[in-house]
Amino acid sequence: MEDQEMQIKVKRVTDRFTESMYVLANEPSVALYRLQEHVRRSLPELVQHKSDMQRSEEQSQGAIYTVEYACSAVRSMTNSHVYFRNIESLLRQAINIKEELNAVQGRRS
């Protein structure tokens, strides 16, 4: 009988001790301390990731600007055939005028 009573008392004490430890481990101040530890460990890595992302964004913006500029240059080139036709026509006219001048000078000499 004493053995059984002792087991009941021991069980009651261990249950209360377990409950106390559970409450202590999950107390808000302990939770805040663990949160603080987590932030202290994680923050430098997060700051590094942020700076890496900002650097990548700057590089991407530069590349986007370059590509947009190149695209606008290509678009303007596609419209340049009109100008080249005008240049070709003017060169032909200049050649014809030069040939006429050479012919006139040849007659005079």
PDB file of N, CA and C in Angstrom:
ATOM      1  N   MET A   1       0.812  -1.184   0.000  1.00  0.00           N
ATOM      2  CA  MET A   1       0.000   0.000   0.000  1.00  0.00           C
ATOM      3  C   MET A   1       0.865   1.260   0.000  1.00  0.00           C
ATOM      4  N   GLU A   2       1.863   1.198   0.840  1.00  0.00           N
ATOM      5  CA  GLU A   2       2.762   2.349   0.886  1.00  0.00           C
ATOM      6  C   GLU A   2       3.445   2.545  -0.452  1.00  0.00           C
ATOM      7  N   ASP A   3       3.746   1.495  -1.072  1.00  0.00           N
ATOM      8  CA  ASP A   3       4.413   1.560  -2.373  1.00  0.00           C
ATOM      9  C   ASP A   3       3.512   2.220  -3.405  1.00  0.00           C
ATOM     10  N   GLN A   4       2.258   1.882  -3.357  1.00  0.00           N
ATOM     11  CA  GLN A   4       1.309   2.459  -4.294  1.00  0.00           C
ATOM     12  C   GLN A   4       1.090   3.952  -4.002  1.00  0.00           C
ATOM     13  N   GLU A   5       1.006   4.321  -2.747  1.00  0.00           N
ATOM     14  CA  GLU A   5       0.852   5.724  -2.377  1.00  0.00           C
ATOM     15  C   GLU A   5       2.083   6.506  -2.792  1.00  0.00           C
ATOM     16  N   MET A   6       3.230   5.904  -2.600  1.00  0.00           N
ATOM     17  CA  MET A   6       4.477   6.565  -2.977  1.00  0.00           C
ATOM     18  C   MET A   6       4.515   6.799  -4.489  1.00  0.00           C
ATOM     19  N   GLN A   7       4.082   5.863  -5.265  1.00  0.00           N
ATOM     20  CA  GLN A   7       4.048   6.005  -6.722  1.00  0.00           C
ATOM     21  C   GLN A   7       3.092   7.123  -7.136  1.00  0.00           C
ATOM     22  N   ILE A   8       1.942   7.210  -6.460  1.00  0.00           N
ATOM     23  CA  ILE A   8       0.976   8.268  -6.759  1.00  0.00           C
ATOM     24  C   ILE A   8       1.589   9.634  -6.440  1.00  0.00           C
ATOM     25  N   LYS A   9       2.249   9.726  -5.293  1.00  0.00           N
ATOM     26  CA  LYS A   9       2.870  10.991  -4.903  1.00  0.00           C
ATOM     27  C   LYS A   9       3.997  11.365  -5.879  1.00  0.00           C
ATOM     28  N   VAL A  10       4.800  10.382  -6.242  1.00  0.00           N
ATOM     29  CA  VAL A  10       5.896  10.630  -7.184  1.00  0.00           C
ATOM     30  C   VAL A  10       5.330  11.070  -8.532  1.00  0.00           C
ATOM     31  N   LYS A  11       4.268  10.416  -8.975  1.00  0.00           N
ATOM     32  CA  LYS A  11       3.643  10.780 -10.255  1.00  0.00           C
ATOM     33  C   LYS A  11       3.112  12.201 -10.179  1.00  0.00           C
ATOM     34  N   ARG A  12       2.455  12.556  -9.068  1.00  0.00           N
ATOM     35  CA  ARG A  12       1.915  13.896  -8.898  1.00  0.00           C
ATOM     36  C   ARG A  12       3.043  14.942  -8.920  1.00  0.00           C
ATOM     37  N   VAL A  13       4.136  14.642  -8.236  1.00  0.00           N
ATOM     38  CA  VAL A  13       5.275  15.572  -8.192  1.00  0.00           C
ATOM     39  C   VAL A  13       5.895  15.719  -9.582  1.00  0.00           C
ATOM     40  N   THR A  14       6.083  14.619 -10.274  1.00  0.00           N
ATOM     41  CA  THR A  14       6.690  14.696 -11.614  1.00  0.00           C
ATOM     42  C   THR A  14       5.766  15.405 -12.598  1.00  0.00           C
ATOM     43  N   ASP A  15       4.452  15.186 -12.478  1.00  0.00           N
ATOM     44  CA  ASP A  15       3.510  15.883 -13.353  1.00  0.00           C
ATOM     45  C   ASP A  15       3.560  17.383 -13.115  1.00  0.00           C
ATOM     46  N   ARG A  16       3.581  17.786 -11.845  1.00  0.00           N
ATOM     47  CA  ARG A  16       3.649  19.212 -11.527  1.00  0.00           C
ATOM     48  C   ARG A  16       4.986  19.799 -11.969  1.00  0.00           C
ATOM     49  N   PHE A  17       6.048  19.050 -11.788  1.00  0.00           N
ATOM     50  CA  PHE A  17       7.366  19.515 -12.227  1.00  0.00           C
ATOM     51  C   PHE A  17       7.394  19.681 -13.743  1.00  0.00           C
ATOM     52  N   THR A  18       6.826  18.718 -14.461  1.00  0.00           N
ATOM     53  CA  THR A  18       6.758  18.788 -15.915  1.00  0.00           C
ATOM     54  C   THR A  18       5.934  19.996 -16.353  1.00  0.00           C
ATOM     55  N   GLU A  19       4.803  20.191 -15.690  1.00  0.00           N
ATOM     56  CA  GLU A  19       3.954  21.333 -16.016  1.00  0.00           C
ATOM     57  C   GLU A  19       4.681  22.652 -15.747  1.00  0.00           C
ATOM     58  N   SER A  20       5.402  22.718 -14.647  1.00  0.00           N
ATOM     59  CA  SER A  20       6.161  23.927 -14.312  1.00  0.00           C
ATOM     60  C   SER A  20       7.245  24.191 -15.353  1.00  0.00           C
ATOM     61  N   MET A  21       7.941  23.146 -15.755  1.00  0.00           N
ATOM     62  CA  MET A  21       8.975  23.298 -16.776  1.00  0.00           C
ATOM     63  C   MET A  21       8.368  23.747 -18.112  1.00  0.00           C
ATOM     64  N   TYR A  22       7.206  23.189 -18.435  1.00  0.00           N
ATOM     65  CA  TYR A  22       6.526  23.570 -19.678  1.00  0.00           C
ATOM     66  C   TYR A  22       6.143  25.046 -19.640  1.00  0.00           C
ATOM     67  N   VAL A  23       5.577  25.488 -18.520  1.00  0.00           N
ATOM     68  CA  VAL A  23       5.197  26.888 -18.367  1.00  0.00           C
ATOM     69  C   VAL A  23       6.434  27.776 -18.429  1.00  0.00           C
ATOM     70  N   LEU A  24       7.492  27.368 -17.752  1.00  0.00           N
ATOM     71  CA  LEU A  24       8.721  28.153 -17.732  1.00  0.00           C
ATOM     72  C   LEU A  24       9.338  28.250 -19.131  1.00  0.00           C
ATOM     73  N   ALA A  25       9.336  27.133 -19.844  1.00  0.00           N
ATOM     74  CA  ALA A  25       9.932  27.114 -21.189  1.00  0.00           C
ATOM     75  C   ALA A  25       9.122  27.948 -22.171  1.00  0.00           C
ATOM     76  N   ASN A  26       7.818  28.064 -21.937  1.00  0.00           N
ATOM     77  CA  ASN A  26       6.959  28.797 -22.859  1.00  0.00           C
ATOM     78  C   ASN A  26       6.520  30.151 -22.314  1.00  0.00           C
ATOM     79  N   GLU A  27       7.184  30.614 -21.300  1.00  0.00           N
ATOM     80  CA  GLU A  27       6.866  31.916 -20.737  1.00  0.00           C
ATOM     81  C   GLU A  27       7.157  32.992 -21.785  1.00  0.00           C
ATOM     82  N   PRO A  28       6.369  34.062 -21.830  1.00  0.00           N
ATOM     83  CA  PRO A  28       6.560  35.091 -22.854  1.00  0.00           C
ATOM     84  C   PRO A  28       7.964  35.693 -22.867  1.00  0.00           C
ATOM     85  N   SER A  29       8.573  35.882 -21.714  1.00  0.00           N
ATOM     86  CA  SER A  29       9.909  36.475 -21.710  1.00  0.00           C
ATOM     87  C   SER A  29      10.918  35.523 -22.361  1.00  0.00           C
ATOM     88  N   VAL A  30      10.739  34.226 -22.170  1.00  0.00           N
ATOM     89  CA  VAL A  30      11.620  33.248 -22.812  1.00  0.00           C
ATOM     90  C   VAL A  30      11.371  33.252 -24.322  1.00  0.00           C
ATOM     91  N   ALA A  31      10.103  33.361 -24.672  1.00  0.00           N
ATOM     92  CA  ALA A  31       9.773  33.403 -26.098  1.00  0.00           C
ATOM     93  C   ALA A  31      10.385  34.641 -26.742  1.00  0.00           C
ATOM     94  N   LEU A  32      10.291  35.769 -26.065  1.00  0.00           N
ATOM     95  CA  LEU A  32      10.892  36.987 -26.605  1.00  0.00           C
ATOM     96  C   LEU A  32      12.409  36.873 -26.695  1.00  0.00           C
ATOM     97  N   TYR A  33      13.019  36.217 -25.710  1.00  0.00           N
ATOM     98  CA  TYR A  33      14.464  36.021 -25.742  1.00  0.00           C
ATOM     99  C   TYR A  33      14.849  35.154 -26.943  1.00  0.00           C
ATOM    100  N   ARG A  34      14.095  34.100 -27.168  1.00  0.00           N
ATOM    101  CA  ARG A  34      14.396  33.226 -28.305  1.00  0.00           C
ATOM    102  C   ARG A  34      14.170  33.959 -29.629  1.00  0.00           C
ATOM    103  N   LEU A  35      13.150  34.788 -29.680  1.00  0.00           N
ATOM    104  CA  LEU A  35      12.898  35.596 -30.870  1.00  0.00           C
ATOM    105  C   LEU A  35      14.051  36.568 -31.099  1.00  0.00           C
ATOM    106  N   GLN A  36      14.537  37.171 -30.038  1.00  0.00           N
ATOM    107  CA  GLN A  36      15.668  38.093 -30.133  1.00  0.00           C
ATOM    108  C   GLN A  36      16.912  37.366 -30.633  1.00  0.00           C
ATOM    109  N   GLU A  37      17.141  36.171 -30.110  1.00  0.00           N
ATOM    110  CA  GLU A  37      18.288  35.375 -30.580  1.00  0.00           C
ATOM    111  C   GLU A  37      18.168  35.093 -32.071  1.00  0.00           C
ATOM    112  N   HIS A  38      16.968  34.699 -32.473  1.00  0.00           N
ATOM    113  CA  HIS A  38      16.743  34.382 -33.881  1.00  0.00           C
ATOM    114  C   HIS A  38      16.999  35.605 -34.763  1.00  0.00           C
ATOM    115  N   VAL A  39      16.492  36.755 -34.342  1.00  0.00           N
ATOM    116  CA  VAL A  39      16.684  37.979 -35.119  1.00  0.00           C
ATOM    117  C   VAL A  39      18.160  38.333 -35.174  1.00  0.00           C
ATOM    118  N   ARG A  40      18.845  38.225 -34.067  1.00  0.00           N
ATOM    119  CA  ARG A  40      20.269  38.561 -34.025  1.00  0.00           C
ATOM    120  C   ARG A  40      21.070  37.649 -34.954  1.00  0.00           C
ATOM    121  N   ARG A  41      20.700  36.374 -35.030  1.00  0.00           N
ATOM    122  CA  ARG A  41      21.413  35.454 -35.921  1.00  0.00           C
ATOM    123  C   ARG A  41      21.032  35.668 -37.383  1.00  0.00           C
ATOM    124  N   SER A  42      19.770  35.980 -37.634  1.00  0.00           N
ATOM    125  CA  SER A  42      19.274  36.062 -39.010  1.00  0.00           C
ATOM    126  C   SER A  42      19.509  37.423 -39.664  1.00  0.00           C
ATOM    127  N   LEU A  43      19.551  38.474 -38.888  1.00  0.00           N
ATOM    128  CA  LEU A  43      19.598  39.819 -39.441  1.00  0.00           C
ATOM    129  C   LEU A  43      20.803  40.084 -40.345  1.00  0.00           C
ATOM    130  N   PRO A  44      22.029  39.724 -39.955  1.00  0.00           N
ATOM    131  CA  PRO A  44      23.157  40.000 -40.865  1.00  0.00           C
ATOM    132  C   PRO A  44      22.993  39.332 -42.240  1.00  0.00           C
ATOM    133  N   GLU A  45      22.484  38.131 -42.231  1.00  0.00           N
ATOM    134  CA  GLU A  45      22.278  37.431 -43.501  1.00  0.00           C
ATOM    135  C   GLU A  45      21.200  38.133 -44.329  1.00  0.00           C
ATOM    136  N   LEU A  46      20.134  38.570 -43.665  1.00  0.00           N
ATOM    137  CA  LEU A  46      19.078  39.280 -44.380  1.00  0.00           C
ATOM    138  C   LEU A  46      19.579  40.607 -44.948  1.00  0.00           C
ATOM    139  N   VAL A  47      20.406  41.304 -44.199  1.00  0.00           N
ATOM    140  CA  VAL A  47      20.978  42.564 -44.685  1.00  0.00           C
ATOM    141  C   VAL A  47      21.853  42.294 -45.903  1.00  0.00           C
ATOM    142  N   GLN A  48      22.632  41.240 -45.860  1.00  0.00           N
ATOM    143  CA  GLN A  48      23.479  40.876 -47.000  1.00  0.00           C
ATOM    144  C   GLN A  48      22.629  40.549 -48.227  1.00  0.00           C
ATOM    145  N   HIS A  49      21.541  39.787 -48.023  1.00  0.00           N
ATOM    146  CA  HIS A  49      20.645  39.469 -49.135  1.00  0.00           C
ATOM    147  C   HIS A  49      20.027  40.741 -49.707  1.00  0.00           C
ATOM    148  N   LYS A  50      19.643  41.661 -48.831  1.00  0.00           N
ATOM    149  CA  LYS A  50      19.045  42.910 -49.299  1.00  0.00           C
ATOM    150  C   LYS A  50      20.031  43.701 -50.150  1.00  0.00           C
ATOM    151  N   SER A  51      21.266  43.816 -49.679  1.00  0.00           N
ATOM    152  CA  SER A  51      22.254  44.571 -50.455  1.00  0.00           C
ATOM    153  C   SER A  51      22.563  43.859 -51.774  1.00  0.00           C
ATOM    154  N   ASP A  52      22.605  42.521 -51.765  1.00  0.00           N
ATOM    155  CA  ASP A  52      22.814  41.772 -53.013  1.00  0.00           C
ATOM    156  C   ASP A  52      21.666  42.024 -53.992  1.00  0.00           C
ATOM    157  N   MET A  53      20.452  42.030 -53.462  1.00  0.00           N
ATOM    158  CA  MET A  53      19.287  42.254 -54.317  1.00  0.00           C
ATOM    159  C   MET A  53      19.296  43.678 -54.884  1.00  0.00           C
ATOM    160  N   GLN A  54      19.685  44.651 -54.080  1.00  0.00           N
ATOM    161  CA  GLN A  54      19.758  46.020 -54.569  1.00  0.00           C
ATOM    162  C   GLN A  54      20.815  46.149 -55.662  1.00  0.00           C
ATOM    163  N   ARG A  55      21.952  45.506 -55.463  1.00  0.00           N
ATOM    164  CA  ARG A  55      23.011  45.534 -56.468  1.00  0.00           C
ATOM    165  C   ARG A  55      22.525  44.867 -57.761  1.00  0.00           C
ATOM    166  N   SER A  56      21.840  43.741 -57.615  1.00  0.00           N
ATOM    167  CA  SER A  56      21.300  43.051 -58.798  1.00  0.00           C
ATOM    168  C   SER A  56      20.267  43.908 -59.507  1.00  0.00           C
ATOM    169  N   GLU A  57      19.438  44.607 -58.724  1.00  0.00           N
ATOM    170  CA  GLU A  57      18.429  45.469 -59.326  1.00  0.00           C
ATOM    171  C   GLU A  57      19.087  46.601 -60.111  1.00  0.00           C
ATOM    172  N   GLU A  58      20.140  47.199 -59.557  1.00  0.00           N
ATOM    173  CA  GLU A  58      20.841  48.275 -60.259  1.00  0.00           C
ATOM    174  C   GLU A  58      21.441  47.762 -61.563  1.00  0.00           C
ATOM    175  N   GLN A  59      22.050  46.586 -61.508  1.00  0.00           N
ATOM    176  CA  GLN A  59      22.640  46.008 -62.720  1.00  0.00           C
ATOM    177  C   GLN A  59      21.556  45.704 -63.746  1.00  0.00           C
ATOM    178  N   SER A  60      20.423  45.197 -63.268  1.00  0.00           N
ATOM    179  CA  SER A  60      19.315  44.879 -64.173  1.00  0.00           C
ATOM    180  C   SER A  60      18.767  46.141 -64.812  1.00  0.00           C
ATOM    181  N   GLN A  61      18.628  47.204 -64.017  1.00  0.00           N
ATOM    182  CA  GLN A  61      18.128  48.465 -64.572  1.00  0.00           C
ATOM    183  C   GLN A  61      19.076  48.986 -65.648  1.00  0.00           C
ATOM    184  N   GLY A  62      20.385  48.866 -65.402  1.00  0.00           N
ATOM    185  CA  GLY A  62      21.357  49.284 -66.407  1.00  0.00           C
ATOM    186  C   GLY A  62      21.239  48.466 -67.679  1.00  0.00           C
ATOM    187  N   ALA A  63      21.083  47.158 -67.526  1.00  0.00           N
ATOM    188  CA  ALA A  63      20.945  46.283 -68.694  1.00  0.00           C
ATOM    189  C   ALA A  63      19.652  46.578 -69.443  1.00  0.00           C
ATOM    190  N   ILE A  64      18.578  46.843 -68.712  1.00  0.00           N
ATOM    191  CA  ILE A  64      17.297  47.161 -69.353  1.00  0.00           C
ATOM    192  C   ILE A  64      17.424  48.450 -70.157  1.00  0.00           C
ATOM    193  N   TYR A  65      18.083  49.445 -69.574  1.00  0.00           N
ATOM    194  CA  TYR A  65      18.272  50.719 -70.287  1.00  0.00           C
ATOM    195  C   TYR A  65      19.070  50.492 -71.570  1.00  0.00           C
ATOM    196  N   THR A  66      20.124  49.679 -71.473  1.00  0.00           N
ATOM    197  CA  THR A  66      20.959  49.398 -72.646  1.00  0.00           C
ATOM    198  C   THR A  66      20.147  48.700 -73.735  1.00  0.00           C
ATOM    199  N   VAL A  67      19.350  47.727 -73.341  1.00  0.00           N
ATOM    200  CA  VAL A  67      18.543  46.987 -74.319  1.00  0.00           C
ATOM    201  C   VAL A  67      17.493  47.904 -74.954  1.00  0.00           C
ATOM    202  N   GLU A  68      16.848  48.736 -74.135  1.00  0.00           N
ATOM    203  CA  GLU A  68      15.850  49.658 -74.691  1.00  0.00           C
ATOM    204  C   GLU A  68      16.502  50.634 -75.675  1.00  0.00           C
ATOM    205  N   TYR A  69      17.685  51.117 -75.325  1.00  0.00           N
ATOM    206  CA  TYR A  69      18.406  52.032 -76.215  1.00  0.00           C
ATOM    207  C   TYR A  69      18.764  51.327 -77.522  1.00  0.00           C
ATOM    208  N   ALA A  70      19.231  50.082 -77.426  1.00  0.00           N
ATOM    209  CA  ALA A  70      19.579  49.318 -78.626  1.00  0.00           C
ATOM    210  C   ALA A  70      18.335  49.070 -79.486  1.00  0.00           C
ATOM    211  N   CYS A  71      17.219  48.768 -78.844  1.00  0.00           N
ATOM    212  CA  CYS A  71      15.973  48.536 -79.599  1.00  0.00           C
ATOM    213  C   CYS A  71      15.533  49.798 -80.332  1.00  0.00           C
ATOM    214  N   SER A  72      15.646  50.944 -79.662  1.00  0.00           N
ATOM    215  CA  SER A  72      15.256  52.189 -80.335  1.00  0.00           C
ATOM    216  C   SER A  72      16.200  52.481 -81.499  1.00  0.00           C
ATOM    217  N   ALA A  73      17.484  52.156 -81.342  1.00  0.00           N
ATOM    218  CA  ALA A  73      18.434  52.352 -82.439  1.00  0.00           C
ATOM    219  C   ALA A  73      18.089  51.458 -83.618  1.00  0.00           C
ATOM    220  N   VAL A  74      17.712  50.216 -83.337  1.00  0.00           N
ATOM    221  CA  VAL A  74      17.342  49.289 -84.417  1.00  0.00           C
ATOM    222  C   VAL A  74      16.066  49.774 -85.100  1.00  0.00           C
ATOM    223  N   ARG A  75      15.091  50.268 -84.312  1.00  0.00           N
ATOM    224  CA  ARG A  75      13.857  50.787 -84.905  1.00  0.00           C
ATOM    225  C   ARG A  75      14.148  51.976 -85.822  1.00  0.00           C
ATOM    226  N   SER A  76      15.039  52.842 -85.371  1.00  0.00           N
ATOM    227  CA  SER A  76      15.365  53.992 -86.214  1.00  0.00           C
ATOM    228  C   SER A  76      16.117  53.547 -87.463  1.00  0.00           C
ATOM    229  N   MET A  77      16.874  52.461 -87.379  1.00  0.00           N
ATOM    230  CA  MET A  77      17.578  51.935 -88.556  1.00  0.00           C
ATOM    231  C   MET A  77      16.595  51.400 -89.587  1.00  0.00           C
ATOM    232  N   THR A  78      15.518  50.799 -89.125  1.00  0.00           N
ATOM    233  CA  THR A  78      14.551  50.250 -90.088  1.00  0.00           C
ATOM    234  C   THR A  78      13.890  51.362 -90.885  1.00  0.00           C
ATOM    235  N   ASN A  79      13.803  52.539 -90.309  1.00  0.00           N
ATOM    236  CA  ASN A  79      13.224  53.675 -91.040  1.00  0.00           C
ATOM    237  C   ASN A  79      14.263  54.415 -91.874  1.00  0.00           C
ATOM    238  N   SER A  80      15.513  54.044 -91.765  1.00  0.00           N
ATOM    239  CA  SER A  80      16.580  54.778 -92.460  1.00  0.00           C
ATOM    240  C   SER A  80      16.665  54.444 -93.946  1.00  0.00           C
ATOM    241  N   HIS A  81      15.972  53.424 -94.426  1.00  0.00           N
ATOM    242  CA  HIS A  81      16.057  53.087 -95.852  1.00  0.00           C
ATOM    243  C   HIS A  81      15.595  54.253 -96.728  1.00  0.00           C
ATOM    244  N   VAL A  82      14.667  55.042 -96.221  1.00  0.00           N
ATOM    245  CA  VAL A  82      14.210  56.220 -96.976  1.00  0.00           C
ATOM    246  C   VAL A  82      15.367  57.197 -97.151  1.00  0.00           C
ATOM    247  N   TYR A  83      16.108  57.414 -96.080  1.00  0.00           N
ATOM    248  CA  TYR A  83      17.231  58.344 -96.138  1.00  0.00           C
ATOM    249  C   TYR A  83      18.329  57.829 -97.065  1.00  0.00           C
ATOM    250  N   PHE A  84      18.588  56.523 -97.024  1.00  0.00           N
ATOM    251  CA  PHE A  84      19.607  55.960 -97.906  1.00  0.00           C
ATOM    252  C   PHE A  84      19.200  56.072 -99.370  1.00  0.00           C
ATOM    253  N   ARG A  85      17.920  55.933 -99.658  1.00  0.00           N
ATOM    254  CA  ARG A  85      17.462  56.104-101.038  1.00  0.00           C
ATOM    255  C   ARG A  85      17.687  57.544-101.497  1.00  0.00           C
ATOM    256  N   ASN A  86      17.401  58.487-100.596  1.00  0.00           N
ATOM    257  CA  ASN A  86      17.638  59.898-100.940  1.00  0.00           C
ATOM    258  C   ASN A  86      19.127  60.155-101.161  1.00  0.00           C
ATOM    259  N   ILE A  87      19.974  59.587-100.316  1.00  0.00           N
ATOM    260  CA  ILE A  87      21.423  59.754-100.466  1.00  0.00           C
ATOM    261  C   ILE A  87      21.893  59.156-101.787  1.00  0.00           C
ATOM    262  N   GLU A  88      21.374  57.964-102.108  1.00  0.00           N
ATOM    263  CA  GLU A  88      21.746  57.315-103.368  1.00  0.00           C
ATOM    264  C   GLU A  88      21.336  58.177-104.560  1.00  0.00           C
ATOM    265  N   SER A  89      20.142  58.727-104.492  1.00  0.00           N
ATOM    266  CA  SER A  89      19.663  59.586-105.583  1.00  0.00           C
ATOM    267  C   SER A  89      20.534  60.830-105.717  1.00  0.00           C
ATOM    268  N   LEU A  90      20.878  61.432-104.584  1.00  0.00           N
ATOM    269  CA  LEU A  90      21.732  62.626-104.629  1.00  0.00           C
ATOM    270  C   LEU A  90      23.131  62.296-105.148  1.00  0.00           C
ATOM    271  N   LEU A  91      23.671  61.136-104.773  1.00  0.00           N
ATOM    272  CA  LEU A  91      24.981  60.729-105.295  1.00  0.00           C
ATOM    273  C   LEU A  91      24.935  60.508-106.806  1.00  0.00           C
ATOM    274  N   ARG A  92      23.872  59.903-107.290  1.00  0.00           N
ATOM    275  CA  ARG A  92      23.735  59.695-108.746  1.00  0.00           C
ATOM    276  C   ARG A  92      23.670  61.042-109.486  1.00  0.00           C
ATOM    277  N   GLN A  93      22.912  61.961-108.872  1.00  0.00           N
ATOM    278  CA  GLN A  93      22.821  63.292-109.480  1.00  0.00           C
ATOM    279  C   GLN A  93      24.193  63.972-109.496  1.00  0.00           C
ATOM    280  N   ALA A  94      24.934  63.838-108.384  1.00  0.00           N
ATOM    281  CA  ALA A  94      26.266  64.449-108.308  1.00  0.00           C
ATOM    282  C   ALA A  94      27.199  63.832-109.335  1.00  0.00           C
ATOM    283  N   ILE A  95      27.127  62.520-109.528  1.00  0.00           N
ATOM    284  CA  ILE A  95      27.969  61.846-110.528  1.00  0.00           C
ATOM    285  C   ILE A  95      27.608  62.341-111.921  1.00  0.00           C
ATOM    286  N   ASN A  96      26.314  62.448-112.194  1.00  0.00           N
ATOM    287  CA  ASN A  96      25.881  62.931-113.520  1.00  0.00           C
ATOM    288  C   ASN A  96      26.354  64.357-113.773  1.00  0.00           C
ATOM    289  N   ILE A  97      26.230  65.207-112.750  1.00  0.00           N
ATOM    290  CA  ILE A  97      26.673  66.596-112.907  1.00  0.00           C
ATOM    291  C   ILE A  97      28.178  66.646-113.134  1.00  0.00           C
ATOM    292  N   LYS A  98      28.942  65.837-112.393  1.00  0.00           N
ATOM    293  CA  LYS A  98      30.393  65.796-112.559  1.00  0.00           C
ATOM    294  C   LYS A  98      30.762  65.334-113.959  1.00  0.00           C
ATOM    295  N   GLU A  99      30.045  64.319-114.479  1.00  0.00           N
ATOM    296  CA  GLU A  99      30.311  63.834-115.839  1.00  0.00           C
ATOM    297  C   GLU A  99      30.000  64.921-116.869  1.00  0.00           C
ATOM    298  N   GLU A 100      28.900  65.664-116.634  1.00  0.00           N
ATOM    299  CA  GLU A 100      28.562  66.754-117.550  1.00  0.00           C
ATOM    300  C   GLU A 100      29.630  67.844-117.515  1.00  0.00           C
ATOM    301  N   LEU A 101      30.113  68.161-116.293  1.00  0.00           N
ATOM    302  CA  LEU A 101      31.177  69.169-116.173  1.00  0.00           C
ATOM    303  C   LEU A 101      32.451  68.704-116.874  1.00  0.00           C
ATOM    304  N   ASN A 102      32.800  67.424-116.683  1.00  0.00           N
ATOM    305  CA  ASN A 102      33.983  66.876-117.359  1.00  0.00           C
ATOM    306  C   ASN A 102      33.811  66.937-118.878  1.00  0.00           C
ATOM    307  N   ALA A 103      32.601  66.651-119.365  1.00  0.00           N
ATOM    308  CA  ALA A 103      32.345  66.687-120.803  1.00  0.00           C
ATOM    309  C   ALA A 103      32.459  68.106-121.337  1.00  0.00           C
ATOM    310  N   VAL A 104      31.935  69.089-120.558  1.00  0.00           N
ATOM    311  CA  VAL A 104      32.016  70.496-120.978  1.00  0.00           C
ATOM    312  C   VAL A 104      33.464  70.963-120.985  1.00  0.00           C
ATOM    313  N   GLN A 105      34.243  70.589-119.986  1.00  0.00           N
ATOM    314  CA  GLN A 105      35.666  70.966-119.919  1.00  0.00           C
ATOM    315  C   GLN A 105      36.453  70.298-121.032  1.00  0.00           C
ATOM    316  N   GLY A 106      36.049  69.080-121.391  1.00  0.00           N
ATOM    317  CA  GLY A 106      36.734  68.357-122.482  1.00  0.00           C
ATOM    318  C   GLY A 106      36.495  69.038-123.797  1.00  0.00           C
ATOM    319  N   ARG A 107      35.347  69.616-123.993  1.00  0.00           N
ATOM    320  CA  ARG A 107      35.036  70.319-125.242  1.00  0.00           C
ATOM    321  C   ARG A 107      35.792  71.626-125.345  1.00  0.00           C
ATOM    322  N   ARG A 108      36.011  72.261-124.199  1.00  0.00           N
ATOM    323  CA  ARG A 108      36.691  73.553-124.186  1.00  0.00           C
ATOM    324  C   ARG A 108      38.183  73.396-124.433  1.00  0.00           C
ATOM    325  N   SER A 109      38.744  72.310-124.071  1.00  0.00           N
ATOM    326  CA  SER A 109      40.178  72.206-124.227  1.00  0.00           C
ATOM    327  C   SER A 109      40.614  71.668-125.562  1.00  0.00           C
TER     328      SER A 109
END
